[in-house]
């Protein structure tokens, strides 16, 4: 999970506004896997839909070829209804939008075990879906972030497992803030193969979430 400490080391980078590509130092014990940037043909089973309170559906092509464990975790939680109603609790203009925490403050995750890192060569470009984590490489769980702009200094340090293929304008419209004053929400998350219709406009129903198991 990316807790509020996740981007502490990014302060100087954000202040400088640098987006220059660079080769990041390797994370001890985790070697990034070389993955073709061009994705395989899209299949409904590997399309994630996020219907957002910002007004529409975001479709993300998942990459099981790059991070199979993270893709499978996303599918399991989506089909549980875990993400329905959750907020984007940390959204930085020109950087990224982070969500997936049932507490809504960046401090928790699902009741499932944390995931082993699946760092790979896919870049953190605009629209990239990547797994949030703490300073421990093998600590990703349910939290994720979507890149609003490139940030190549994250490459090889976080597990990339998808990229937005449509609806990026709805991601751009997510309320900014740390935390946002009026957070945007995931109204409904679904997998393309399940043929879930876009929710009708109306009140957002927030699903109660079970507390994570003690660590």
N, C-alpha and C. Protein backbone atom coordinates (compact mmCIF):
# COMPACT_ATOMS: atom_id res chain seq x y z
N UNK A 1 0.83 -1.19 0.00
CA UNK A 1 0.00 0.00 0.00
C UNK A 1 0.87 1.24 0.00
N UNK A 2 0.43 2.29 -0.69
CA UNK A 2 1.12 3.56 -0.55
C UNK A 2 0.47 4.27 0.61
N UNK A 3 1.13 4.33 1.75
CA UNK A 3 0.61 5.09 2.86
C UNK A 3 0.99 6.54 2.62
N UNK A 4 0.69 7.42 3.56
CA UNK A 4 1.01 8.82 3.37
C UNK A 4 2.51 9.06 3.30
N UNK A 5 3.30 8.05 3.66
CA UNK A 5 4.75 8.17 3.58
C UNK A 5 5.29 7.77 2.23
N UNK A 6 4.43 7.22 1.36
CA UNK A 6 4.95 6.64 0.13
C UNK A 6 5.71 7.63 -0.72
N UNK A 7 5.16 8.85 -0.85
CA UNK A 7 5.77 9.82 -1.73
C UNK A 7 6.62 10.84 -0.98
N UNK A 8 6.97 10.54 0.27
CA UNK A 8 7.80 11.47 1.03
C UNK A 8 9.12 11.72 0.31
N UNK A 9 9.68 10.65 -0.26
CA UNK A 9 10.96 10.78 -0.94
C UNK A 9 10.83 11.49 -2.27
N UNK A 10 9.58 11.74 -2.72
CA UNK A 10 9.36 12.39 -4.00
C UNK A 10 9.28 13.90 -3.86
N UNK A 11 9.39 14.42 -2.63
CA UNK A 11 9.19 15.85 -2.41
C UNK A 11 10.07 16.71 -3.28
N UNK A 12 11.38 16.41 -3.34
CA UNK A 12 12.28 17.24 -4.13
C UNK A 12 11.97 17.12 -5.61
N UNK A 13 11.56 15.94 -6.06
CA UNK A 13 11.22 15.73 -7.45
C UNK A 13 10.00 16.55 -7.82
N UNK A 14 8.97 16.52 -6.95
CA UNK A 14 7.76 17.29 -7.22
C UNK A 14 8.06 18.78 -7.22
N UNK A 15 8.91 19.21 -6.29
CA UNK A 15 9.22 20.63 -6.21
C UNK A 15 9.95 21.09 -7.46
N UNK A 16 10.82 20.22 -7.97
CA UNK A 16 11.57 20.58 -9.16
C UNK A 16 10.75 20.44 -10.42
N UNK A 17 9.69 19.63 -10.36
CA UNK A 17 8.83 19.41 -11.51
C UNK A 17 9.50 18.62 -12.61
N UNK A 18 10.53 17.87 -12.28
CA UNK A 18 11.27 17.14 -13.29
C UNK A 18 10.54 15.89 -13.73
N UNK A 19 10.43 15.69 -15.05
CA UNK A 19 9.85 14.47 -15.60
C UNK A 19 10.90 13.76 -16.45
N UNK A 20 12.14 14.07 -16.26
CA UNK A 20 13.19 13.49 -17.08
C UNK A 20 13.28 11.99 -16.86
N UNK A 21 13.43 11.26 -17.95
CA UNK A 21 13.59 9.81 -17.85
C UNK A 21 14.94 9.51 -17.23
N UNK A 22 14.96 8.49 -16.38
CA UNK A 22 16.21 8.09 -15.76
C UNK A 22 16.11 6.62 -15.38
N UNK A 23 17.24 6.00 -15.17
CA UNK A 23 17.25 4.62 -14.72
C UNK A 23 17.30 4.62 -13.21
N UNK A 24 16.23 4.17 -12.54
CA UNK A 24 16.21 4.22 -11.08
C UNK A 24 17.10 3.14 -10.48
N UNK A 25 17.58 3.37 -9.27
CA UNK A 25 18.36 2.32 -8.61
C UNK A 25 17.50 1.10 -8.36
N UNK A 26 18.11 -0.06 -8.43
CA UNK A 26 17.36 -1.30 -8.23
C UNK A 26 16.87 -1.40 -6.80
N UNK A 27 15.69 -2.00 -6.62
CA UNK A 27 15.18 -2.28 -5.29
C UNK A 27 15.83 -3.57 -4.81
N UNK A 28 16.45 -3.57 -3.64
CA UNK A 28 17.15 -4.78 -3.16
C UNK A 28 16.26 -6.01 -3.17
N UNK A 29 16.75 -7.08 -3.80
CA UNK A 29 16.06 -8.36 -3.79
C UNK A 29 14.95 -8.51 -4.81
N UNK A 30 14.68 -7.45 -5.60
CA UNK A 30 13.61 -7.53 -6.59
C UNK A 30 14.15 -7.03 -7.92
N UNK A 31 14.29 -7.92 -8.88
CA UNK A 31 14.80 -7.55 -10.20
C UNK A 31 13.63 -7.30 -11.15
N UNK A 32 13.52 -6.10 -11.75
CA UNK A 32 12.44 -5.85 -12.69
C UNK A 32 12.47 -6.83 -13.86
N UNK A 33 11.29 -7.26 -14.29
CA UNK A 33 11.16 -8.19 -15.40
C UNK A 33 10.93 -7.42 -16.69
N UNK A 34 11.67 -7.77 -17.74
CA UNK A 34 11.51 -7.12 -19.03
C UNK A 34 10.19 -7.57 -19.67
N UNK A 35 9.33 -6.61 -19.98
CA UNK A 35 8.01 -6.89 -20.55
C UNK A 35 7.82 -6.02 -21.79
N UNK A 36 7.31 -6.57 -22.91
CA UNK A 36 7.04 -5.73 -24.08
C UNK A 36 6.06 -4.61 -23.74
N UNK A 37 6.38 -3.38 -24.16
CA UNK A 37 5.50 -2.25 -23.88
C UNK A 37 4.17 -2.40 -24.62
N UNK A 38 4.23 -2.94 -25.86
CA UNK A 38 3.01 -3.15 -26.63
C UNK A 38 2.20 -4.27 -25.98
N UNK A 39 0.97 -4.01 -25.55
CA UNK A 39 0.19 -5.02 -24.85
C UNK A 39 -0.32 -6.11 -25.79
N UNK A 40 -0.63 -7.28 -25.26
CA UNK A 40 -1.26 -8.32 -26.07
C UNK A 40 -2.67 -7.88 -26.44
N UNK A 41 -3.33 -8.57 -27.38
CA UNK A 41 -4.70 -8.20 -27.74
C UNK A 41 -5.60 -8.15 -26.50
N UNK A 42 -6.43 -7.13 -26.43
CA UNK A 42 -7.30 -6.96 -25.27
C UNK A 42 -8.38 -8.04 -25.26
N UNK A 43 -8.60 -8.61 -24.09
CA UNK A 43 -9.68 -9.58 -23.89
C UNK A 43 -10.58 -9.06 -22.79
N UNK A 44 -11.90 -9.29 -22.87
CA UNK A 44 -12.82 -8.79 -21.85
C UNK A 44 -12.42 -9.19 -20.43
N UNK A 45 -11.82 -10.36 -20.25
CA UNK A 45 -11.42 -10.80 -18.92
C UNK A 45 -10.30 -9.93 -18.35
N UNK A 46 -9.60 -9.23 -19.22
CA UNK A 46 -8.49 -8.39 -18.77
C UNK A 46 -8.76 -6.90 -18.98
N UNK A 47 -10.04 -6.53 -18.95
CA UNK A 47 -10.42 -5.13 -18.99
C UNK A 47 -11.10 -4.78 -17.67
N UNK A 48 -10.56 -3.80 -16.99
CA UNK A 48 -11.13 -3.29 -15.74
C UNK A 48 -11.92 -2.03 -16.04
N UNK A 49 -13.19 -2.00 -15.61
CA UNK A 49 -14.00 -0.80 -15.73
C UNK A 49 -14.14 -0.15 -14.36
N UNK A 50 -13.89 1.15 -14.30
CA UNK A 50 -14.14 1.93 -13.10
C UNK A 50 -15.15 3.01 -13.45
N UNK A 51 -16.36 2.89 -12.92
CA UNK A 51 -17.38 3.91 -13.12
C UNK A 51 -17.22 4.93 -12.00
N UNK A 52 -16.81 6.14 -12.36
CA UNK A 52 -16.43 7.13 -11.38
C UNK A 52 -17.52 8.17 -11.15
N UNK A 53 -17.46 8.77 -9.96
CA UNK A 53 -18.40 9.84 -9.63
C UNK A 53 -18.11 11.11 -10.42
N UNK A 54 -16.99 11.13 -11.17
CA UNK A 54 -16.66 12.28 -12.00
C UNK A 54 -17.46 12.29 -13.30
N UNK A 55 -18.26 11.23 -13.53
CA UNK A 55 -19.20 11.32 -14.64
C UNK A 55 -19.18 10.23 -15.68
N UNK A 56 -18.31 9.25 -15.58
CA UNK A 56 -18.30 8.22 -16.61
C UNK A 56 -17.40 7.05 -16.29
N UNK A 57 -17.24 6.21 -17.31
CA UNK A 57 -16.51 4.95 -17.18
C UNK A 57 -15.08 5.07 -17.68
N UNK A 58 -14.17 4.59 -16.87
CA UNK A 58 -12.76 4.48 -17.24
C UNK A 58 -12.48 3.00 -17.51
N UNK A 59 -11.90 2.71 -18.67
CA UNK A 59 -11.55 1.33 -19.00
C UNK A 59 -10.04 1.18 -19.01
N UNK A 60 -9.58 0.14 -18.33
CA UNK A 60 -8.15 -0.09 -18.15
C UNK A 60 -7.81 -1.49 -18.65
N UNK A 61 -6.83 -1.59 -19.55
CA UNK A 61 -6.38 -2.91 -19.98
C UNK A 61 -5.38 -3.43 -18.96
N UNK A 62 -5.71 -4.55 -18.34
CA UNK A 62 -4.84 -5.18 -17.36
C UNK A 62 -3.74 -5.97 -18.07
N UNK A 63 -2.62 -6.12 -17.40
CA UNK A 63 -1.46 -6.79 -18.00
C UNK A 63 -1.02 -8.00 -17.17
N UNK A 64 -1.74 -9.13 -17.31
CA UNK A 64 -1.32 -10.33 -16.59
C UNK A 64 0.04 -10.85 -17.06
N UNK A 65 0.46 -10.45 -18.24
CA UNK A 65 1.79 -10.85 -18.71
C UNK A 65 2.90 -10.14 -17.95
N UNK A 66 2.56 -8.99 -17.34
CA UNK A 66 3.56 -8.21 -16.61
C UNK A 66 3.49 -8.43 -15.10
N UNK A 67 2.27 -8.57 -14.58
CA UNK A 67 2.09 -8.70 -13.12
C UNK A 67 0.87 -9.58 -12.85
N UNK A 68 0.98 -10.89 -13.06
CA UNK A 68 -0.17 -11.78 -12.93
C UNK A 68 -0.80 -11.78 -11.55
N UNK A 69 0.02 -11.69 -10.50
CA UNK A 69 -0.52 -11.70 -9.15
C UNK A 69 -1.35 -10.47 -8.85
N UNK A 70 -0.90 -9.31 -9.30
CA UNK A 70 -1.64 -8.07 -9.07
C UNK A 70 -2.93 -8.03 -9.87
N UNK A 71 -2.88 -8.54 -11.11
CA UNK A 71 -4.09 -8.58 -11.93
C UNK A 71 -5.12 -9.51 -11.29
N UNK A 72 -4.68 -10.66 -10.83
CA UNK A 72 -5.61 -11.59 -10.20
C UNK A 72 -6.20 -11.00 -8.93
N UNK A 73 -5.40 -10.33 -8.12
CA UNK A 73 -5.90 -9.69 -6.91
C UNK A 73 -6.96 -8.64 -7.24
N UNK A 74 -6.70 -7.84 -8.27
CA UNK A 74 -7.69 -6.83 -8.67
C UNK A 74 -9.00 -7.50 -9.07
N UNK A 75 -8.93 -8.57 -9.84
CA UNK A 75 -10.15 -9.25 -10.28
C UNK A 75 -10.92 -9.81 -9.09
N UNK A 76 -10.22 -10.44 -8.16
CA UNK A 76 -10.88 -11.01 -6.98
C UNK A 76 -11.60 -9.92 -6.19
N UNK A 77 -10.93 -8.82 -5.92
CA UNK A 77 -11.53 -7.76 -5.12
C UNK A 77 -12.67 -7.07 -5.87
N UNK A 78 -12.49 -6.86 -7.17
CA UNK A 78 -13.56 -6.25 -7.97
C UNK A 78 -14.82 -7.10 -7.91
N UNK A 79 -14.65 -8.41 -8.07
CA UNK A 79 -15.83 -9.29 -8.09
C UNK A 79 -16.44 -9.47 -6.71
N UNK A 80 -15.73 -9.10 -5.67
CA UNK A 80 -16.31 -9.04 -4.32
C UNK A 80 -17.13 -7.77 -4.10
N UNK A 81 -16.92 -6.77 -4.97
CA UNK A 81 -17.52 -5.46 -4.75
C UNK A 81 -16.71 -4.60 -3.81
N UNK A 82 -15.45 -4.99 -3.58
CA UNK A 82 -14.60 -4.31 -2.60
C UNK A 82 -14.43 -2.83 -2.91
N UNK A 83 -14.23 -2.48 -4.18
CA UNK A 83 -13.91 -1.11 -4.55
C UNK A 83 -15.13 -0.19 -4.67
N UNK A 84 -16.31 -0.76 -4.69
CA UNK A 84 -17.52 0.05 -4.92
C UNK A 84 -17.71 1.05 -3.79
N UNK A 85 -17.72 2.33 -4.13
CA UNK A 85 -17.92 3.38 -3.15
C UNK A 85 -16.65 3.95 -2.54
N UNK A 86 -15.49 3.34 -2.79
CA UNK A 86 -14.25 3.83 -2.19
C UNK A 86 -13.80 5.14 -2.85
N UNK A 87 -13.11 5.97 -2.08
CA UNK A 87 -12.68 7.27 -2.57
C UNK A 87 -11.25 7.24 -3.10
N UNK A 88 -10.91 8.29 -3.84
CA UNK A 88 -9.53 8.59 -4.18
C UNK A 88 -9.05 9.56 -3.10
N UNK A 89 -8.21 9.05 -2.20
CA UNK A 89 -7.86 9.79 -1.00
C UNK A 89 -6.61 10.65 -1.14
N UNK A 90 -5.84 10.45 -2.19
CA UNK A 90 -4.59 11.21 -2.38
C UNK A 90 -4.42 11.47 -3.86
N UNK A 91 -4.62 12.71 -4.27
CA UNK A 91 -4.62 13.04 -5.70
C UNK A 91 -3.76 14.30 -5.88
N UNK A 92 -2.66 14.14 -6.60
CA UNK A 92 -1.71 15.23 -6.77
C UNK A 92 -1.73 15.69 -8.23
N UNK A 93 -2.05 16.97 -8.43
CA UNK A 93 -2.10 17.56 -9.76
C UNK A 93 -0.79 17.31 -10.50
N UNK A 94 -0.89 16.83 -11.75
CA UNK A 94 0.31 16.58 -12.54
C UNK A 94 1.11 15.39 -12.12
N UNK A 95 0.53 14.53 -11.27
CA UNK A 95 1.28 13.36 -10.79
C UNK A 95 0.41 12.12 -10.86
N UNK A 96 -0.45 11.89 -9.84
CA UNK A 96 -1.21 10.64 -9.82
C UNK A 96 -2.45 10.77 -8.94
N UNK A 97 -3.38 9.80 -9.11
CA UNK A 97 -4.58 9.68 -8.28
C UNK A 97 -4.54 8.31 -7.60
N UNK A 98 -4.62 8.30 -6.27
CA UNK A 98 -4.49 7.06 -5.50
C UNK A 98 -5.79 6.72 -4.80
N UNK A 99 -6.17 5.44 -4.84
CA UNK A 99 -7.38 4.97 -4.18
C UNK A 99 -7.24 3.51 -3.78
N UNK A 100 -8.37 2.90 -3.38
CA UNK A 100 -8.37 1.49 -3.05
C UNK A 100 -8.21 1.16 -1.58
N UNK A 101 -8.30 2.20 -0.72
CA UNK A 101 -8.19 1.97 0.72
C UNK A 101 -9.57 1.99 1.36
N UNK A 102 -9.99 0.90 2.02
CA UNK A 102 -11.33 0.88 2.62
C UNK A 102 -11.51 1.90 3.74
N UNK A 103 -10.43 2.34 4.37
CA UNK A 103 -10.53 3.38 5.39
C UNK A 103 -10.54 4.79 4.79
N UNK A 104 -10.09 4.89 3.56
CA UNK A 104 -10.10 6.18 2.88
C UNK A 104 -9.02 7.14 3.32
N UNK A 105 -7.97 6.65 3.99
CA UNK A 105 -6.91 7.55 4.43
C UNK A 105 -5.51 7.06 4.09
N UNK A 106 -5.42 5.99 3.31
CA UNK A 106 -4.12 5.48 2.90
C UNK A 106 -3.45 4.56 3.88
N UNK A 107 -4.15 4.16 4.95
CA UNK A 107 -3.51 3.39 6.01
C UNK A 107 -3.84 1.90 6.00
N UNK A 108 -4.68 1.44 5.07
CA UNK A 108 -5.12 0.04 5.16
C UNK A 108 -5.28 -0.59 3.78
N UNK A 109 -5.77 -1.84 3.81
CA UNK A 109 -6.00 -2.57 2.57
C UNK A 109 -7.07 -3.61 2.79
N UNK A 110 -7.11 -4.60 1.92
CA UNK A 110 -8.11 -5.66 2.04
C UNK A 110 -7.70 -6.64 3.14
N UNK A 111 -8.55 -7.67 3.35
CA UNK A 111 -8.25 -8.70 4.33
C UNK A 111 -7.36 -9.80 3.75
N UNK A 112 -6.96 -9.67 2.50
CA UNK A 112 -6.11 -10.65 1.84
C UNK A 112 -4.64 -10.36 2.13
N UNK A 113 -3.77 -11.35 2.00
CA UNK A 113 -2.34 -11.12 2.28
C UNK A 113 -1.74 -10.12 1.32
N UNK A 114 -0.69 -9.45 1.76
CA UNK A 114 0.05 -8.55 0.87
C UNK A 114 0.66 -9.35 -0.27
N UNK A 115 0.92 -8.66 -1.37
CA UNK A 115 1.40 -9.31 -2.59
C UNK A 115 2.91 -9.20 -2.74
N UNK A 116 3.55 -10.25 -3.26
CA UNK A 116 4.96 -10.13 -3.63
C UNK A 116 5.09 -9.12 -4.76
N UNK A 117 6.16 -8.34 -4.75
CA UNK A 117 6.40 -7.37 -5.80
C UNK A 117 6.52 -8.05 -7.16
N UNK A 118 6.01 -7.37 -8.18
CA UNK A 118 6.15 -7.83 -9.57
C UNK A 118 6.66 -6.64 -10.40
N UNK A 119 7.79 -6.09 -9.96
CA UNK A 119 8.36 -4.95 -10.67
C UNK A 119 8.73 -5.38 -12.08
N UNK A 120 8.46 -4.52 -13.04
CA UNK A 120 8.70 -4.86 -14.44
C UNK A 120 9.14 -3.62 -15.20
N UNK A 121 9.34 -3.78 -16.49
CA UNK A 121 9.90 -2.70 -17.30
C UNK A 121 8.85 -1.76 -17.88
N UNK A 122 7.57 -1.97 -17.60
CA UNK A 122 6.55 -1.07 -18.12
C UNK A 122 6.70 0.30 -17.47
N UNK A 123 6.64 1.37 -18.27
CA UNK A 123 6.91 2.70 -17.73
C UNK A 123 5.69 3.36 -17.07
N UNK A 124 5.97 4.25 -16.16
CA UNK A 124 4.92 5.04 -15.50
C UNK A 124 4.61 6.27 -16.35
N UNK A 125 3.85 6.02 -17.41
CA UNK A 125 3.41 7.09 -18.30
C UNK A 125 1.99 7.50 -17.92
N UNK A 126 1.47 8.52 -18.56
CA UNK A 126 0.11 8.96 -18.32
C UNK A 126 -0.87 7.80 -18.53
N UNK A 127 -1.75 7.55 -17.56
CA UNK A 127 -2.74 6.48 -17.66
C UNK A 127 -2.30 5.16 -17.07
N UNK A 128 -1.04 5.04 -16.66
CA UNK A 128 -0.55 3.78 -16.08
C UNK A 128 -1.27 3.47 -14.77
N UNK A 129 -1.64 2.20 -14.60
CA UNK A 129 -2.18 1.69 -13.34
C UNK A 129 -1.06 0.94 -12.63
N UNK A 130 -0.75 1.33 -11.41
CA UNK A 130 0.35 0.74 -10.67
C UNK A 130 -0.07 0.46 -9.24
N UNK A 131 0.59 -0.49 -8.61
CA UNK A 131 0.23 -0.91 -7.26
C UNK A 131 0.88 -0.02 -6.21
N UNK A 132 0.05 0.50 -5.31
CA UNK A 132 0.57 1.28 -4.19
C UNK A 132 1.16 0.35 -3.15
N UNK A 133 2.17 0.85 -2.44
CA UNK A 133 2.82 0.04 -1.41
C UNK A 133 3.49 0.97 -0.40
N UNK A 134 3.97 0.39 0.70
CA UNK A 134 4.76 1.13 1.66
C UNK A 134 6.22 1.08 1.22
N UNK A 135 7.13 1.38 2.12
CA UNK A 135 8.55 1.30 1.78
C UNK A 135 9.03 -0.14 1.62
N UNK A 136 8.24 -1.10 2.07
CA UNK A 136 8.56 -2.52 1.90
C UNK A 136 8.11 -2.97 0.51
N UNK A 137 9.00 -3.50 -0.33
CA UNK A 137 8.63 -3.88 -1.70
C UNK A 137 7.44 -4.83 -1.78
N UNK A 138 7.35 -5.79 -0.86
CA UNK A 138 6.30 -6.81 -0.92
C UNK A 138 5.10 -6.45 -0.04
N UNK A 139 4.62 -5.21 -0.15
CA UNK A 139 3.55 -4.75 0.73
C UNK A 139 2.31 -4.25 -0.01
N UNK A 140 2.26 -4.41 -1.33
CA UNK A 140 1.06 -4.01 -2.07
C UNK A 140 -0.11 -4.90 -1.67
N UNK A 141 -1.31 -4.32 -1.64
CA UNK A 141 -2.49 -5.10 -1.25
C UNK A 141 -3.68 -4.72 -2.14
N UNK A 142 -4.43 -3.71 -1.76
CA UNK A 142 -5.59 -3.31 -2.56
C UNK A 142 -5.45 -1.91 -3.15
N UNK A 143 -4.55 -1.10 -2.60
CA UNK A 143 -4.42 0.27 -3.07
C UNK A 143 -3.69 0.34 -4.41
N UNK A 144 -4.07 1.31 -5.20
CA UNK A 144 -3.48 1.50 -6.53
C UNK A 144 -3.39 2.99 -6.83
N UNK A 145 -2.66 3.32 -7.87
CA UNK A 145 -2.65 4.70 -8.35
C UNK A 145 -2.64 4.72 -9.87
N UNK A 146 -3.24 5.78 -10.42
CA UNK A 146 -3.30 5.99 -11.87
C UNK A 146 -2.51 7.26 -12.16
N UNK A 147 -1.57 7.17 -13.08
CA UNK A 147 -0.72 8.30 -13.39
C UNK A 147 -1.47 9.36 -14.20
N UNK A 148 -1.37 10.61 -13.74
CA UNK A 148 -1.94 11.74 -14.48
C UNK A 148 -0.93 12.32 -15.46
N UNK A 149 0.34 12.02 -15.24
CA UNK A 149 1.43 12.49 -16.09
C UNK A 149 2.59 11.51 -15.91
N UNK A 150 3.55 11.50 -16.83
CA UNK A 150 4.69 10.58 -16.69
C UNK A 150 5.51 10.87 -15.44
N UNK A 151 6.03 9.83 -14.85
CA UNK A 151 6.95 9.96 -13.71
C UNK A 151 7.89 8.76 -13.77
N UNK A 152 8.91 8.86 -14.64
CA UNK A 152 9.76 7.72 -14.94
C UNK A 152 10.64 7.30 -13.77
N UNK A 153 10.78 8.16 -12.77
CA UNK A 153 11.58 7.79 -11.61
C UNK A 153 10.93 6.68 -10.79
N UNK A 154 9.65 6.37 -11.05
CA UNK A 154 8.97 5.28 -10.37
C UNK A 154 9.20 3.92 -11.04
N UNK A 155 9.72 3.96 -12.27
CA UNK A 155 9.88 2.72 -13.04
C UNK A 155 10.79 1.74 -12.31
N UNK A 156 10.36 0.49 -12.28
CA UNK A 156 11.15 -0.56 -11.64
C UNK A 156 11.03 -0.60 -10.14
N UNK A 157 10.23 0.33 -9.56
CA UNK A 157 10.07 0.40 -8.11
C UNK A 157 8.65 0.07 -7.66
N UNK A 158 7.71 0.12 -8.58
CA UNK A 158 6.30 -0.18 -8.30
C UNK A 158 5.79 -1.13 -9.38
N UNK A 159 4.83 -1.98 -9.02
CA UNK A 159 4.35 -3.01 -9.94
C UNK A 159 3.27 -2.45 -10.85
N UNK A 160 3.65 -2.20 -12.11
CA UNK A 160 2.69 -1.73 -13.12
C UNK A 160 1.88 -2.91 -13.59
N UNK A 161 0.54 -2.75 -13.64
CA UNK A 161 -0.27 -3.88 -14.10
C UNK A 161 -1.44 -3.49 -14.99
N UNK A 162 -1.38 -2.30 -15.58
CA UNK A 162 -2.41 -1.92 -16.54
C UNK A 162 -2.23 -0.50 -17.02
N UNK A 163 -3.10 -0.11 -17.96
CA UNK A 163 -3.09 1.27 -18.46
C UNK A 163 -4.47 1.63 -18.99
N UNK A 164 -4.86 2.87 -18.74
CA UNK A 164 -6.16 3.37 -19.21
C UNK A 164 -6.19 3.35 -20.74
N UNK A 165 -7.28 2.80 -21.29
CA UNK A 165 -7.45 2.78 -22.74
C UNK A 165 -8.61 3.66 -23.18
N UNK A 166 -9.49 4.04 -22.25
CA UNK A 166 -10.55 5.00 -22.56
C UNK A 166 -11.06 5.63 -21.26
N UNK A 167 -11.57 6.85 -21.37
CA UNK A 167 -12.13 7.53 -20.22
C UNK A 167 -11.12 8.27 -19.37
N UNK A 168 -9.94 8.58 -19.93
CA UNK A 168 -8.93 9.27 -19.13
C UNK A 168 -9.41 10.65 -18.68
N UNK A 169 -10.34 11.23 -19.42
CA UNK A 169 -10.89 12.53 -19.01
C UNK A 169 -11.59 12.45 -17.66
N UNK A 170 -12.17 11.29 -17.34
CA UNK A 170 -12.82 11.12 -16.04
C UNK A 170 -11.79 10.96 -14.92
N UNK A 171 -10.60 10.42 -15.26
CA UNK A 171 -9.51 10.35 -14.29
C UNK A 171 -8.98 11.76 -14.03
N UNK A 172 -8.80 12.53 -15.10
CA UNK A 172 -8.31 13.90 -14.96
C UNK A 172 -9.22 14.74 -14.06
N UNK A 173 -10.52 14.41 -14.05
CA UNK A 173 -11.50 15.19 -13.30
C UNK A 173 -11.58 14.81 -11.83
N UNK A 174 -10.83 13.79 -11.40
CA UNK A 174 -10.85 13.40 -9.99
C UNK A 174 -10.41 14.57 -9.12
N UNK A 175 -11.16 14.81 -8.04
CA UNK A 175 -10.88 15.92 -7.13
C UNK A 175 -9.47 15.81 -6.56
N UNK A 176 -8.72 16.92 -6.66
CA UNK A 176 -7.33 16.94 -6.19
C UNK A 176 -7.27 17.28 -4.70
N UNK A 177 -6.20 16.79 -4.06
CA UNK A 177 -5.97 17.11 -2.66
C UNK A 177 -5.33 15.97 -1.91
N UNK A 178 -4.76 16.28 -0.75
CA UNK A 178 -4.10 15.30 0.12
C UNK A 178 -4.54 15.47 1.58
N UNK A 179 -5.79 15.16 1.92
CA UNK A 179 -6.83 14.55 1.09
C UNK A 179 -7.68 15.62 0.38
N UNK A 180 -8.46 15.21 -0.63
CA UNK A 180 -9.36 16.15 -1.29
C UNK A 180 -10.47 16.60 -0.34
N UNK A 181 -10.95 17.82 -0.53
CA UNK A 181 -12.04 18.34 0.30
C UNK A 181 -13.33 17.58 0.04
N UNK A 182 -13.59 17.26 -1.23
CA UNK A 182 -14.79 16.50 -1.63
C UNK A 182 -14.33 15.35 -2.51
N UNK A 183 -13.88 14.25 -1.92
CA UNK A 183 -13.24 13.18 -2.70
C UNK A 183 -14.14 12.58 -3.77
N UNK A 184 -13.54 12.29 -4.92
CA UNK A 184 -14.23 11.54 -5.97
C UNK A 184 -14.23 10.07 -5.59
N UNK A 185 -15.22 9.33 -6.10
CA UNK A 185 -15.39 7.92 -5.71
C UNK A 185 -15.46 6.99 -6.92
N UNK A 186 -15.18 5.73 -6.63
CA UNK A 186 -15.48 4.65 -7.57
C UNK A 186 -16.92 4.24 -7.29
N UNK A 187 -17.82 4.54 -8.19
CA UNK A 187 -19.22 4.16 -8.00
C UNK A 187 -19.36 2.65 -8.15
N UNK A 188 -18.72 2.11 -9.19
CA UNK A 188 -18.78 0.67 -9.44
C UNK A 188 -17.53 0.25 -10.18
N UNK A 189 -16.92 -0.84 -9.74
CA UNK A 189 -15.80 -1.46 -10.46
C UNK A 189 -16.27 -2.80 -11.00
N UNK A 190 -15.86 -3.14 -12.22
CA UNK A 190 -16.28 -4.41 -12.81
C UNK A 190 -15.23 -4.87 -13.82
N UNK A 191 -15.32 -6.14 -14.17
CA UNK A 191 -14.46 -6.75 -15.19
C UNK A 191 -15.26 -6.88 -16.47
N UNK A 192 -14.63 -6.55 -17.59
CA UNK A 192 -15.33 -6.51 -18.87
C UNK A 192 -16.10 -7.77 -19.20
N UNK A 193 -15.54 -8.93 -18.87
CA UNK A 193 -16.18 -10.21 -19.19
C UNK A 193 -17.50 -10.40 -18.46
N UNK A 194 -17.72 -9.63 -17.37
CA UNK A 194 -18.95 -9.79 -16.59
C UNK A 194 -20.10 -8.94 -17.11
N UNK A 195 -19.83 -8.10 -18.12
CA UNK A 195 -20.88 -7.33 -18.81
C UNK A 195 -21.76 -6.52 -17.85
N UNK A 196 -21.13 -5.80 -16.92
CA UNK A 196 -21.85 -4.95 -15.99
C UNK A 196 -22.15 -3.62 -16.66
N UNK A 197 -23.41 -3.20 -16.66
CA UNK A 197 -23.81 -1.95 -17.30
C UNK A 197 -23.30 -0.75 -16.50
N UNK A 198 -23.11 0.35 -17.19
CA UNK A 198 -22.75 1.60 -16.52
C UNK A 198 -23.89 1.99 -15.58
N UNK A 199 -23.61 2.28 -14.31
CA UNK A 199 -24.69 2.63 -13.37
C UNK A 199 -25.46 3.86 -13.83
N UNK A 200 -26.76 3.86 -13.57
CA UNK A 200 -27.58 5.03 -13.87
C UNK A 200 -27.18 6.16 -12.94
N UNK A 201 -27.31 7.38 -13.40
CA UNK A 201 -26.99 8.54 -12.55
C UNK A 201 -27.90 8.54 -11.33
N UNK A 202 -27.34 8.86 -10.19
CA UNK A 202 -28.13 8.89 -8.97
C UNK A 202 -27.23 8.91 -7.76
N UNK A 203 -27.77 8.77 -6.56
CA UNK A 203 -26.95 8.79 -5.35
C UNK A 203 -25.92 7.67 -5.36
N UNK A 204 -24.75 7.96 -4.85
CA UNK A 204 -23.68 6.98 -4.77
C UNK A 204 -23.85 6.16 -3.51
N UNK A 205 -23.98 4.86 -3.66
CA UNK A 205 -24.15 3.97 -2.52
C UNK A 205 -22.78 3.45 -2.09
N UNK A 206 -22.38 3.73 -0.88
CA UNK A 206 -21.10 3.30 -0.38
C UNK A 206 -21.25 1.95 0.32
N UNK A 207 -20.48 0.97 -0.14
CA UNK A 207 -20.54 -0.35 0.44
C UNK A 207 -19.73 -0.40 1.73
N UNK A 208 -20.29 -0.94 2.81
CA UNK A 208 -19.48 -1.09 4.04
C UNK A 208 -18.36 -2.09 3.79
N UNK A 209 -17.19 -1.80 4.35
CA UNK A 209 -16.03 -2.66 4.15
C UNK A 209 -15.64 -3.33 5.47
N UNK A 210 -15.29 -4.59 5.37
CA UNK A 210 -14.82 -5.30 6.56
C UNK A 210 -13.43 -4.79 6.94
N UNK A 211 -13.16 -4.73 8.20
CA UNK A 211 -11.86 -4.27 8.68
C UNK A 211 -10.79 -5.31 8.29
N UNK A 212 -9.60 -4.84 7.90
CA UNK A 212 -8.55 -5.78 7.53
C UNK A 212 -8.16 -6.67 8.72
N UNK A 213 -7.71 -7.88 8.41
CA UNK A 213 -7.24 -8.77 9.47
C UNK A 213 -5.99 -8.21 10.10
N UNK A 214 -5.81 -8.41 11.40
CA UNK A 214 -4.60 -7.91 12.06
C UNK A 214 -3.35 -8.47 11.41
N UNK A 215 -2.33 -7.63 11.31
CA UNK A 215 -1.06 -8.07 10.68
C UNK A 215 -0.17 -8.72 11.73
